[in-house]
């Protein structure tokens, strides 16, 4: 499913499906990482970075306006 969504550039649909899945399976780190990648592909960079940092256990940092 994820590969198909990437191939078809259907990131908005993939985001919706992953969020729904993760609402019931919050412990699935692999799917959280897929969601971060999906957000990145949609240029939702701040949200993608925040999720990736959360997954990796890194602290959140303030985003500067010139970034």
Protein backbone atom coordinates (compact mmCIF):
# COMPACT_ATOMS: atom_id res chain seq x y z
CA UNK A 1 0.00 0.00 0.00
CA UNK A 2 2.73 2.47 0.94
CA UNK A 3 4.75 1.71 -2.19
CA UNK A 4 1.64 2.15 -4.35
CA UNK A 5 0.79 5.48 -2.73
CA UNK A 6 4.36 6.70 -3.34
CA UNK A 7 4.27 5.50 -6.94
CA UNK A 8 0.93 7.23 -7.56
CA UNK A 9 1.87 10.37 -5.57
CA UNK A 10 -1.21 9.93 -3.35
CA UNK A 11 0.41 11.21 -0.19
CA UNK A 12 -2.74 12.89 1.11
CA UNK A 13 -4.61 9.58 1.04
CA UNK A 14 -1.64 7.76 2.54
CA UNK A 15 -1.41 10.31 5.36
CA UNK A 16 -5.09 9.82 6.19
CA UNK A 17 -4.75 6.02 6.20
CA UNK A 18 -1.58 6.04 8.30
CA UNK A 19 -3.08 8.42 10.85
CA UNK A 20 -6.15 6.22 11.16
CA UNK A 21 -3.99 3.10 11.55
CA UNK A 22 -1.74 4.76 14.13
CA UNK A 23 -4.73 5.90 16.18
CA UNK A 24 -5.29 2.19 16.92
CA UNK A 25 -1.64 1.04 16.78
CA UNK A 26 0.35 3.85 18.39
CA UNK A 27 3.22 1.46 19.19
CA UNK A 28 4.01 0.79 15.50
CA UNK A 29 7.23 2.78 15.07
CA UNK A 30 7.72 1.62 11.49
CA UNK A 31 4.37 3.10 10.43
CA UNK A 32 5.15 6.30 12.35
CA UNK A 33 8.34 6.57 10.32
CA UNK A 34 6.32 6.02 7.13
CA UNK A 35 4.02 8.84 8.21
CA UNK A 36 7.02 11.12 8.74
CA UNK A 37 8.20 10.31 5.21
CA UNK A 38 4.74 10.93 3.84
CA UNK A 39 4.57 14.30 5.56
CA UNK A 40 8.00 15.17 4.17
CA UNK A 41 6.86 14.32 0.62
CA UNK A 42 3.95 16.75 1.10
CA UNK A 43 6.35 19.52 2.22
CA UNK A 44 4.95 19.39 5.75
CA UNK A 45 8.53 19.69 6.91
CA UNK A 46 8.07 20.94 10.46
CA UNK A 47 5.60 18.17 11.27
CA UNK A 48 7.77 15.54 9.56
CA UNK A 49 10.86 16.67 11.47
CA UNK A 50 8.99 16.76 14.77
CA UNK A 51 7.69 13.23 14.28
CA UNK A 52 11.10 11.93 13.19
CA UNK A 53 12.73 13.49 16.26
CA UNK A 54 10.06 11.96 18.49
CA UNK A 55 10.65 8.52 16.95
CA UNK A 56 14.42 8.84 17.34
CA UNK A 57 14.13 10.16 20.88
CA UNK A 58 15.80 13.48 20.08
CA UNK A 59 14.62 16.64 21.82
CA UNK A 60 12.44 19.07 19.93
CA UNK A 61 14.09 22.30 18.82
CA UNK A 62 12.52 25.63 17.94
CA UNK A 63 12.28 26.19 14.21
CA UNK A 64 13.83 29.45 13.04
CA UNK A 65 12.08 31.52 10.39
CA UNK A 66 15.07 31.35 8.02
CA UNK A 67 15.04 27.56 7.89
